Amino acid sequence: TNTPDNLGNNVSTTYRTELSIENLEL
């Protein structure tokens, strides 16, 4: 006899990186 294990679970996660520049001088 055995006891079943639960499946793993993976979540597709979307990360968003945003980049901005303020008071830019060249």
PDB file of all heavy atoms in Angstrom:
ATOM      1  N   THR A   1       0.840  -1.193   0.000  1.00  0.00           N
ATOM      2  CA  THR A   1       0.000   0.000   0.000  1.00  0.00           C
ATOM      3  C   THR A   1       0.876   1.244   0.000  1.00  0.00           C
ATOM      4  O   THR A   1       1.959   1.278   0.569  1.00  0.00           O
ATOM      5  CB  THR A   1      -0.916   0.033   1.240  1.00  0.00           C
ATOM      6  OG1 THR A   1      -0.109   0.015   2.420  1.00  0.00           O
ATOM      7  CG2 THR A   1      -1.869  -1.152   1.246  1.00  0.00           C
ATOM      8  N   ASN A   2       0.377   2.278  -0.658  1.00  0.00           N
ATOM      9  CA  ASN A   2       1.092   3.551  -0.725  1.00  0.00           C
ATOM     10  C   ASN A   2       0.078   4.681  -0.590  1.00  0.00           C
ATOM     11  O   ASN A   2      -1.126   4.487  -0.728  1.00  0.00           O
ATOM     12  CB  ASN A   2       1.838   3.695  -2.051  1.00  0.00           C
ATOM     13  CG  ASN A   2       2.957   2.691  -2.211  1.00  0.00           C
ATOM     14  OD1 ASN A   2       3.936   2.720  -1.474  1.00  0.00           O
ATOM     15  ND2 ASN A   2       2.790   1.773  -3.154  1.00  0.00           N
ATOM     16  N   THR A   3       0.585   5.856  -0.325  1.00  0.00           N
ATOM     17  CA  THR A   3      -0.256   7.048  -0.261  1.00  0.00           C
ATOM     18  C   THR A   3       0.132   7.979  -1.395  1.00  0.00           C
ATOM     19  O   THR A   3       1.313   8.321  -1.532  1.00  0.00           O
ATOM     20  CB  THR A   3      -0.069   7.776   1.085  1.00  0.00           C
ATOM     21  OG1 THR A   3      -0.406   6.883   2.142  1.00  0.00           O
ATOM     22  CG2 THR A   3      -0.969   9.001   1.160  1.00  0.00           C
ATOM     23  N   PRO A   4      -0.805   8.390  -2.242  1.00  0.00           N
ATOM     24  CA  PRO A   4      -0.454   9.247  -3.365  1.00  0.00           C
ATOM     25  C   PRO A   4       0.024  10.615  -2.915  1.00  0.00           C
ATOM     26  O   PRO A   4      -0.468  11.171  -1.932  1.00  0.00           O
ATOM     27  CB  PRO A   4      -1.772   9.363  -4.152  1.00  0.00           C
ATOM     28  CG  PRO A   4      -2.845   9.088  -3.143  1.00  0.00           C
ATOM     29  CD  PRO A   4      -2.248   8.099  -2.205  1.00  0.00           C
ATOM     30  N   ASP A   5       1.015  11.139  -3.620  1.00  0.00           N
ATOM     31  CA  ASP A   5       1.492  12.491  -3.362  1.00  0.00           C
ATOM     32  C   ASP A   5       0.760  13.464  -4.275  1.00  0.00           C
ATOM     33  O   ASP A   5       0.364  13.119  -5.384  1.00  0.00           O
ATOM     34  CB  ASP A   5       3.004  12.593  -3.634  1.00  0.00           C
ATOM     35  CG  ASP A   5       3.804  11.730  -2.672  1.00  0.00           C
ATOM     36  OD1 ASP A   5       3.414  11.651  -1.495  1.00  0.00           O
ATOM     37  OD2 ASP A   5       4.805  11.138  -3.115  1.00  0.00           O
ATOM     38  N   ASN A   6       0.626  14.702  -3.810  1.00  0.00           N
ATOM     39  CA  ASN A   6       0.002  15.717  -4.637  1.00  0.00           C
ATOM     40  C   ASN A   6       0.968  16.228  -5.699  1.00  0.00           C
ATOM     41  O   ASN A   6       2.183  16.300  -5.487  1.00  0.00           O
ATOM     42  CB  ASN A   6      -0.474  16.887  -3.779  1.00  0.00           C
ATOM     43  CG  ASN A   6      -1.681  16.518  -2.932  1.00  0.00           C
ATOM     44  OD1 ASN A   6      -1.532  16.078  -1.806  1.00  0.00           O
ATOM     45  ND2 ASN A   6      -2.858  16.676  -3.493  1.00  0.00           N
ATOM     46  N   LEU A   7       0.411  16.580  -6.846  1.00  0.00           N
ATOM     47  CA  LEU A   7       1.224  17.122  -7.917  1.00  0.00           C
ATOM     48  C   LEU A   7       1.815  18.468  -7.527  1.00  0.00           C
ATOM     49  O   LEU A   7       1.251  19.199  -6.723  1.00  0.00           O
ATOM     50  CB  LEU A   7       0.363  17.328  -9.175  1.00  0.00           C
ATOM     51  CG  LEU A   7      -0.155  16.083  -9.886  1.00  0.00           C
ATOM     52  CD1 LEU A   7      -1.105  16.500 -10.989  1.00  0.00           C
ATOM     53  CD2 LEU A   7       1.007  15.296 -10.462  1.00  0.00           C
ATOM     54  N   GLY A   8       2.949  18.809  -8.127  1.00  0.00           N
ATOM     55  CA  GLY A   8       3.476  20.156  -7.984  1.00  0.00           C
ATOM     56  C   GLY A   8       2.625  21.117  -8.799  1.00  0.00           C
ATOM     57  O   GLY A   8       1.786  20.715  -9.594  1.00  0.00           O
ATOM     58  N   ASN A   9       2.843  22.399  -8.601  1.00  0.00           N
ATOM     59  CA  ASN A   9       2.055  23.411  -9.297  1.00  0.00           C
ATOM     60  C   ASN A   9       2.967  24.558  -9.700  1.00  0.00           C
ATOM     61  O   ASN A   9       3.714  25.088  -8.867  1.00  0.00           O
ATOM     62  CB  ASN A   9       0.943  23.935  -8.387  1.00  0.00           C
ATOM     63  CG  ASN A   9      -0.060  24.790  -9.120  1.00  0.00           C
ATOM     64  OD1 ASN A   9      -0.942  24.278  -9.788  1.00  0.00           O
ATOM     65  ND2 ASN A   9       0.089  26.098  -9.024  1.00  0.00           N
ATOM     66  N   ASN A  10       2.944  24.931 -10.976  1.00  0.00           N
ATOM     67  CA  ASN A  10       3.764  26.021 -11.470  1.00  0.00           C
ATOM     68  C   ASN A  10       2.879  27.112 -12.059  1.00  0.00           C
ATOM     69  O   ASN A  10       1.999  26.829 -12.879  1.00  0.00           O
ATOM     70  CB  ASN A  10       4.740  25.531 -12.541  1.00  0.00           C
ATOM     71  CG  ASN A  10       5.787  24.601 -11.974  1.00  0.00           C
ATOM     72  OD1 ASN A  10       6.574  24.998 -11.126  1.00  0.00           O
ATOM     73  ND2 ASN A  10       5.797  23.355 -12.422  1.00  0.00           N
ATOM     74  N   VAL A  11       3.115  28.330 -11.624  1.00  0.00           N
ATOM     75  CA  VAL A  11       2.340  29.473 -12.086  1.00  0.00           C
ATOM     76  C   VAL A  11       3.169  30.262 -13.088  1.00  0.00           C
ATOM     77  O   VAL A  11       4.311  30.647 -12.807  1.00  0.00           O
ATOM     78  CB  VAL A  11       1.946  30.383 -10.910  1.00  0.00           C
ATOM     79  CG1 VAL A  11       1.148  31.579 -11.409  1.00  0.00           C
ATOM     80  CG2 VAL A  11       1.145  29.599  -9.886  1.00  0.00           C
ATOM     81  N   SER A  12       2.597  30.485 -14.270  1.00  0.00           N
ATOM     82  CA  SER A  12       3.257  31.320 -15.272  1.00  0.00           C
ATOM     83  C   SER A  12       3.114  32.772 -14.833  1.00  0.00           C
ATOM     84  O   SER A  12       2.014  33.326 -14.821  1.00  0.00           O
ATOM     85  CB  SER A  12       2.608  31.112 -16.649  1.00  0.00           C
ATOM     86  OG  SER A  12       3.191  31.970 -17.610  1.00  0.00           O
ATOM     87  N   THR A  13       4.222  33.375 -14.452  1.00  0.00           N
ATOM     88  CA  THR A  13       4.224  34.718 -13.874  1.00  0.00           C
ATOM     89  C   THR A  13       4.915  35.687 -14.819  1.00  0.00           C
ATOM     90  O   THR A  13       6.049  35.444 -15.237  1.00  0.00           O
ATOM     91  CB  THR A  13       4.938  34.711 -12.515  1.00  0.00           C
ATOM     92  OG1 THR A  13       4.352  33.704 -11.681  1.00  0.00           O
ATOM     93  CG2 THR A  13       4.835  36.059 -11.826  1.00  0.00           C
ATOM     94  N   THR A  14       4.236  36.787 -15.152  1.00  0.00           N
ATOM     95  CA  THR A  14       4.788  37.788 -16.056  1.00  0.00           C
ATOM     96  C   THR A  14       5.235  39.005 -15.255  1.00  0.00           C
ATOM     97  O   THR A  14       4.421  39.660 -14.599  1.00  0.00           O
ATOM     98  CB  THR A  14       3.766  38.225 -17.115  1.00  0.00           C
ATOM     99  OG1 THR A  14       3.326  37.083 -17.849  1.00  0.00           O
ATOM    100  CG2 THR A  14       4.385  39.226 -18.089  1.00  0.00           C
ATOM    101  N   TYR A  15       6.531  39.285 -15.309  1.00  0.00           N
ATOM    102  CA  TYR A  15       7.106  40.454 -14.652  1.00  0.00           C
ATOM    103  C   TYR A  15       7.311  41.547 -15.701  1.00  0.00           C
ATOM    104  O   TYR A  15       7.750  41.278 -16.820  1.00  0.00           O
ATOM    105  CB  TYR A  15       8.467  40.121 -14.035  1.00  0.00           C
ATOM    106  CG  TYR A  15       8.414  39.144 -12.887  1.00  0.00           C
ATOM    107  CD1 TYR A  15       8.374  37.775 -13.110  1.00  0.00           C
ATOM    108  CD2 TYR A  15       8.434  39.595 -11.571  1.00  0.00           C
ATOM    109  CE1 TYR A  15       8.350  36.876 -12.055  1.00  0.00           C
ATOM    110  CE2 TYR A  15       8.413  38.698 -10.504  1.00  0.00           C
ATOM    111  CZ  TYR A  15       8.366  37.344 -10.757  1.00  0.00           C
ATOM    112  OH  TYR A  15       8.348  36.466  -9.715  1.00  0.00           O
ATOM    113  N   ARG A  16       7.037  42.773 -15.333  1.00  0.00           N
ATOM    114  CA  ARG A  16       7.251  43.903 -16.247  1.00  0.00           C
ATOM    115  C   ARG A  16       8.247  44.886 -15.638  1.00  0.00           C
ATOM    116  O   ARG A  16       8.044  45.424 -14.553  1.00  0.00           O
ATOM    117  CB  ARG A  16       5.943  44.625 -16.551  1.00  0.00           C
ATOM    118  CG  ARG A  16       6.106  45.896 -17.391  1.00  0.00           C
ATOM    119  CD  ARG A  16       4.787  46.354 -17.976  1.00  0.00           C
ATOM    120  NE  ARG A  16       4.315  45.400 -18.981  1.00  0.00           N
ATOM    121  CZ  ARG A  16       3.173  45.544 -19.659  1.00  0.00           C
ATOM    122  NH1 ARG A  16       2.381  46.585 -19.416  1.00  0.00           N
ATOM    123  NH2 ARG A  16       2.819  44.645 -20.564  1.00  0.00           N
ATOM    124  N   THR A  17       9.342  45.103 -16.377  1.00  0.00           N
ATOM    125  CA  THR A  17      10.320  46.125 -16.014  1.00  0.00           C
ATOM    126  C   THR A  17      10.067  47.365 -16.855  1.00  0.00           C
ATOM    127  O   THR A  17       9.963  47.269 -18.075  1.00  0.00           O
ATOM    128  CB  THR A  17      11.759  45.629 -16.266  1.00  0.00           C
ATOM    129  OG1 THR A  17      12.063  44.546 -15.386  1.00  0.00           O
ATOM    130  CG2 THR A  17      12.767  46.740 -16.018  1.00  0.00           C
ATOM    131  N   GLU A  18       9.963  48.512 -16.200  1.00  0.00           N
ATOM    132  CA  GLU A  18       9.797  49.783 -16.908  1.00  0.00           C
ATOM    133  C   GLU A  18      10.963  50.697 -16.555  1.00  0.00           C
ATOM    134  O   GLU A  18      11.408  50.735 -15.402  1.00  0.00           O
ATOM    135  CB  GLU A  18       8.469  50.444 -16.555  1.00  0.00           C
ATOM    136  CG  GLU A  18       7.257  49.640 -17.016  1.00  0.00           C
ATOM    137  CD  GLU A  18       5.956  50.422 -16.929  1.00  0.00           C
ATOM    138  OE1 GLU A  18       5.809  51.411 -17.681  1.00  0.00           O
ATOM    139  OE2 GLU A  18       5.106  50.047 -16.106  1.00  0.00           O
ATOM    140  N   LEU A  19      11.433  51.426 -17.560  1.00  0.00           N
ATOM    141  CA  LEU A  19      12.584  52.314 -17.388  1.00  0.00           C
ATOM    142  C   LEU A  19      12.245  53.685 -17.949  1.00  0.00           C
ATOM    143  O   LEU A  19      11.773  53.804 -19.086  1.00  0.00           O
ATOM    144  CB  LEU A  19      13.808  51.737 -18.109  1.00  0.00           C
ATOM    145  CG  LEU A  19      15.021  52.658 -18.269  1.00  0.00           C
ATOM    146  CD1 LEU A  19      15.589  53.039 -16.908  1.00  0.00           C
ATOM    147  CD2 LEU A  19      16.089  51.978 -19.137  1.00  0.00           C
ATOM    148  N   SER A  20      12.482  54.719 -17.165  1.00  0.00           N
ATOM    149  CA  SER A  20      12.268  56.088 -17.634  1.00  0.00           C
ATOM    150  C   SER A  20      13.398  56.984 -17.142  1.00  0.00           C
ATOM    151  O   SER A  20      14.035  56.695 -16.115  1.00  0.00           O
ATOM    152  CB  SER A  20      10.920  56.629 -17.148  1.00  0.00           C
ATOM    153  OG  SER A  20      10.877  56.667 -15.727  1.00  0.00           O
ATOM    154  N   ILE A  21      13.643  58.045 -17.891  1.00  0.00           N
ATOM    155  CA  ILE A  21      14.672  59.021 -17.540  1.00  0.00           C
ATOM    156  C   ILE A  21      14.012  60.387 -17.406  1.00  0.00           C
ATOM    157  O   ILE A  21      13.325  60.842 -18.323  1.00  0.00           O
ATOM    158  CB  ILE A  21      15.782  59.093 -18.609  1.00  0.00           C
ATOM    159  CG1 ILE A  21      16.298  57.689 -18.983  1.00  0.00           C
ATOM    160  CG2 ILE A  21      16.917  59.993 -18.147  1.00  0.00           C
ATOM    161  CD1 ILE A  21      17.091  57.007 -17.922  1.00  0.00           C
ATOM    162  N   GLU A  22      14.218  61.037 -16.272  1.00  0.00           N
ATOM    163  CA  GLU A  22      13.674  62.370 -16.043  1.00  0.00           C
ATOM    164  C   GLU A  22      14.796  63.396 -15.990  1.00  0.00           C
ATOM    165  O   GLU A  22      15.915  63.096 -15.586  1.00  0.00           O
ATOM    166  CB  GLU A  22      12.876  62.402 -14.728  1.00  0.00           C
ATOM    167  CG  GLU A  22      11.713  61.431 -14.669  1.00  0.00           C
ATOM    168  CD  GLU A  22      10.595  61.806 -15.624  1.00  0.00           C
ATOM    169  OE1 GLU A  22      10.433  63.007 -15.909  1.00  0.00           O
ATOM    170  OE2 GLU A  22       9.887  60.889 -16.081  1.00  0.00           O
ATOM    171  N   ASN A  23      14.454  64.645 -16.411  1.00  0.00           N
ATOM    172  CA  ASN A  23      15.400  65.768 -16.372  1.00  0.00           C
ATOM    173  C   ASN A  23      16.689  65.445 -17.123  1.00  0.00           C
ATOM    174  O   ASN A  23      17.798  65.727 -16.649  1.00  0.00           O
ATOM    175  CB  ASN A  23      15.714  66.149 -14.920  1.00  0.00           C
ATOM    176  CG  ASN A  23      14.465  66.507 -14.125  1.00  0.00           C
ATOM    177  OD1 ASN A  23      13.593  67.215 -14.624  1.00  0.00           O
ATOM    178  ND2 ASN A  23      14.374  66.022 -12.905  1.00  0.00           N
ATOM    179  N   LEU A  24      16.514  64.861 -18.297  1.00  0.00           N
ATOM    180  CA  LEU A  24      17.661  64.431 -19.091  1.00  0.00           C
ATOM    181  C   LEU A  24      18.391  65.622 -19.698  1.00  0.00           C
ATOM    182  O   LEU A  24      17.778  66.517 -20.296  1.00  0.00           O
ATOM    183  CB  LEU A  24      17.182  63.494 -20.205  1.00  0.00           C
ATOM    184  CG  LEU A  24      18.213  63.033 -21.221  1.00  0.00           C
ATOM    185  CD1 LEU A  24      19.323  62.231 -20.543  1.00  0.00           C
ATOM    186  CD2 LEU A  24      17.543  62.203 -22.313  1.00  0.00           C
ATOM    187  N   GLU A  25      19.706  65.604 -19.545  1.00  0.00           N
ATOM    188  CA  GLU A  25      20.564  66.580 -20.217  1.00  0.00           C
ATOM    189  C   GLU A  25      21.647  65.817 -20.971  1.00  0.00           C
ATOM    190  O   GLU A  25      22.226  64.863 -20.451  1.00  0.00           O
ATOM    191  CB  GLU A  25      21.206  67.551 -19.221  1.00  0.00           C
ATOM    192  CG  GLU A  25      20.217  68.486 -18.547  1.00  0.00           C
ATOM    193  CD  GLU A  25      20.899  69.516 -17.661  1.00  0.00           C
ATOM    194  OE1 GLU A  25      22.107  69.776 -17.891  1.00  0.00           O
ATOM    195  OE2 GLU A  25      20.239  70.043 -16.751  1.00  0.00           O
ATOM    196  N   LEU A  26      21.926  66.244 -22.202  1.00  0.00           N
ATOM    197  CA  LEU A  26      22.913  65.583 -23.048  1.00  0.00           C
ATOM    198  C   LEU A  26      24.182  66.410 -23.146  1.00  0.00           C
ATOM    199  O   LEU A  26      24.173  67.620 -22.910  1.00  0.00           O
ATOM    200  CB  LEU A  26      22.320  65.346 -24.436  1.00  0.00           C
ATOM    201  CG  LEU A  26      21.009  64.540 -24.474  1.00  0.00           C
ATOM    202  CD1 LEU A  26      20.454  64.515 -25.890  1.00  0.00           C
ATOM    203  CD2 LEU A  26      21.229  63.131 -23.965  1.00  0.00           C
TER     204      LEU A  26
END
